[in-house]
Amino acid sequence: MHAQKELDTRGLNCPLPILKAKKALADMRSGEVLKVMSTDPGSMRDFQAFARQTGNELVEQETLADEFIHFLRRR
């Protein structure tokens, strides 16, 4: 999936990946996609909850080895 912006939060634990994603999304236009790379296993459920609470769309999530990739579309 093509993303307009990428955010590397590998090595950071909750809530930092969510906080950094929130800040990045604030600087993006509606409809743009943010790719977030994380090593925190809890980020899978954290980003699902974040999307529900903020109205941003969680387009896709994938697990590659010990990394978790999240794609969020700005509302």
C-alpha atoms as a PDB file:
ATOM      1  CA  MET A   1       0.000   0.000   0.000  1.00  0.00           C
ATOM      2  CA  HIS A   2       1.244   3.477  -0.859  1.00  0.00           C
ATOM      3  CA  ALA A   3       1.551   5.909   2.050  1.00  0.00           C
ATOM      4  CA  GLN A   4       2.155   9.655   1.855  1.00  0.00           C
ATOM      5  CA  LYS A   5       4.087   9.577   5.135  1.00  0.00           C
ATOM      6  CA  GLU A   6       6.011   6.918   7.078  1.00  0.00           C
ATOM      7  CA  LEU A   7       6.623   6.863  10.809  1.00  0.00           C
ATOM      8  CA  ASP A   8       9.223   4.593  12.416  1.00  0.00           C
ATOM      9  CA  THR A   9       8.301   3.851  16.033  1.00  0.00           C
ATOM     10  CA  ARG A  10      10.344   0.651  16.310  1.00  0.00           C
ATOM     11  CA  GLY A  11      11.764   0.248  19.811  1.00  0.00           C
ATOM     12  CA  LEU A  12       9.083   2.452  21.378  1.00  0.00           C
ATOM     13  CA  ASN A  13       6.364   1.093  23.641  1.00  0.00           C
ATOM     14  CA  CYS A  14       2.805   2.246  24.222  1.00  0.00           C
ATOM     15  CA  PRO A  15       1.691   4.983  24.296  1.00  0.00           C
ATOM     16  CA  LEU A  16       4.515   6.551  22.242  1.00  0.00           C
ATOM     17  CA  PRO A  17       3.633   4.972  18.844  1.00  0.00           C
ATOM     18  CA  ILE A  18       0.042   6.243  19.201  1.00  0.00           C
ATOM     19  CA  LEU A  19       1.129   9.718  20.317  1.00  0.00           C
ATOM     20  CA  LYS A  20       3.593  10.040  17.436  1.00  0.00           C
ATOM     21  CA  ALA A  21       0.969   8.809  14.955  1.00  0.00           C
ATOM     22  CA  LYS A  22      -1.556  11.322  16.281  1.00  0.00           C
ATOM     23  CA  LYS A  23       0.945  14.152  15.790  1.00  0.00           C
ATOM     24  CA  ALA A  24       1.854  12.954  12.279  1.00  0.00           C
ATOM     25  CA  LEU A  25      -1.803  12.663  11.236  1.00  0.00           C
ATOM     26  CA  ALA A  26      -2.459  16.224  12.430  1.00  0.00           C
ATOM     27  CA  ASP A  27       0.031  17.460   9.804  1.00  0.00           C
ATOM     28  CA  MET A  28      -1.580  15.474   6.985  1.00  0.00           C
ATOM     29  CA  ARG A  29      -4.514  16.215   4.682  1.00  0.00           C
ATOM     30  CA  SER A  30      -7.802  14.347   4.755  1.00  0.00           C
ATOM     31  CA  GLY A  31      -7.554  11.066   2.795  1.00  0.00           C
ATOM     32  CA  GLU A  32      -3.781  10.765   3.053  1.00  0.00           C
ATOM     33  CA  VAL A  33      -2.297   7.523   4.381  1.00  0.00           C
ATOM     34  CA  LEU A  34       0.211   7.171   7.215  1.00  0.00           C
ATOM     35  CA  LYS A  35       2.351   4.020   7.538  1.00  0.00           C
ATOM     36  CA  VAL A  36       3.488   3.273  11.096  1.00  0.00           C
ATOM     37  CA  MET A  37       6.189   0.660  11.778  1.00  0.00           C
ATOM     38  CA  SER A  38       6.305  -0.697  15.337  1.00  0.00           C
ATOM     39  CA  THR A  39       7.901  -3.490  17.364  1.00  0.00           C
ATOM     40  CA  ASP A  40       5.355  -3.270  20.205  1.00  0.00           C
ATOM     41  CA  PRO A  41       2.979  -6.283  19.974  1.00  0.00           C
ATOM     42  CA  GLY A  42       0.333  -4.254  21.823  1.00  0.00           C
ATOM     43  CA  SER A  43       0.282  -1.772  18.952  1.00  0.00           C
ATOM     44  CA  MET A  44      -2.060  -4.063  16.989  1.00  0.00           C
ATOM     45  CA  ARG A  45      -4.963  -3.543  19.400  1.00  0.00           C
ATOM     46  CA  ASP A  46      -3.836  -0.006  20.321  1.00  0.00           C
ATOM     47  CA  PHE A  47      -4.155   1.218  16.712  1.00  0.00           C
ATOM     48  CA  GLN A  48      -7.545  -0.497  16.342  1.00  0.00           C
ATOM     49  CA  ALA A  49      -8.816   1.398  19.398  1.00  0.00           C
ATOM     50  CA  PHE A  50      -7.153   4.631  18.230  1.00  0.00           C
ATOM     51  CA  ALA A  51      -8.932   4.426  14.868  1.00  0.00           C
ATOM     52  CA  ARG A  52     -12.325   3.803  16.510  1.00  0.00           C
ATOM     53  CA  GLN A  53     -11.867   6.708  18.920  1.00  0.00           C
ATOM     54  CA  THR A  54     -10.546   9.266  16.425  1.00  0.00           C
ATOM     55  CA  GLY A  55     -12.510   8.433  13.276  1.00  0.00           C
ATOM     56  CA  ASN A  56      -9.358   7.828  11.264  1.00  0.00           C
ATOM     57  CA  GLU A  57      -9.594   4.677   9.130  1.00  0.00           C
ATOM     58  CA  LEU A  58      -7.328   1.744   9.945  1.00  0.00           C
ATOM     59  CA  VAL A  59      -6.873   0.574   6.365  1.00  0.00           C
ATOM     60  CA  GLU A  60      -4.557  -2.362   6.975  1.00  0.00           C
ATOM     61  CA  GLN A  61      -2.403  -4.055   9.602  1.00  0.00           C
ATOM     62  CA  GLU A  62       0.278  -6.651   8.957  1.00  0.00           C
ATOM     63  CA  THR A  63       2.839  -8.571  10.955  1.00  0.00           C
ATOM     64  CA  LEU A  64       6.281  -9.164   9.440  1.00  0.00           C
ATOM     65  CA  ALA A  65       8.517 -11.254  11.725  1.00  0.00           C
ATOM     66  CA  ASP A  66       8.698  -9.128  14.893  1.00  0.00           C
ATOM     67  CA  GLU A  67       7.423  -5.920  13.293  1.00  0.00           C
ATOM     68  CA  PHE A  68       3.883  -4.611  13.147  1.00  0.00           C
ATOM     69  CA  ILE A  69       2.842  -2.350  10.276  1.00  0.00           C
ATOM     70  CA  HIS A  70      -0.237  -0.123  10.460  1.00  0.00           C
ATOM     71  CA  PHE A  71      -1.792   1.959   7.675  1.00  0.00           C
ATOM     72  CA  LEU A  72      -4.084   4.788   8.778  1.00  0.00           C
ATOM     73  CA  ARG A  73      -6.092   7.044   6.472  1.00  0.00           C
ATOM     74  CA  ARG A  74      -6.656  10.529   7.850  1.00  0.00           C
ATOM     75  CA  ARG A  75     -10.297  11.432   8.302  1.00  0.00           C
END
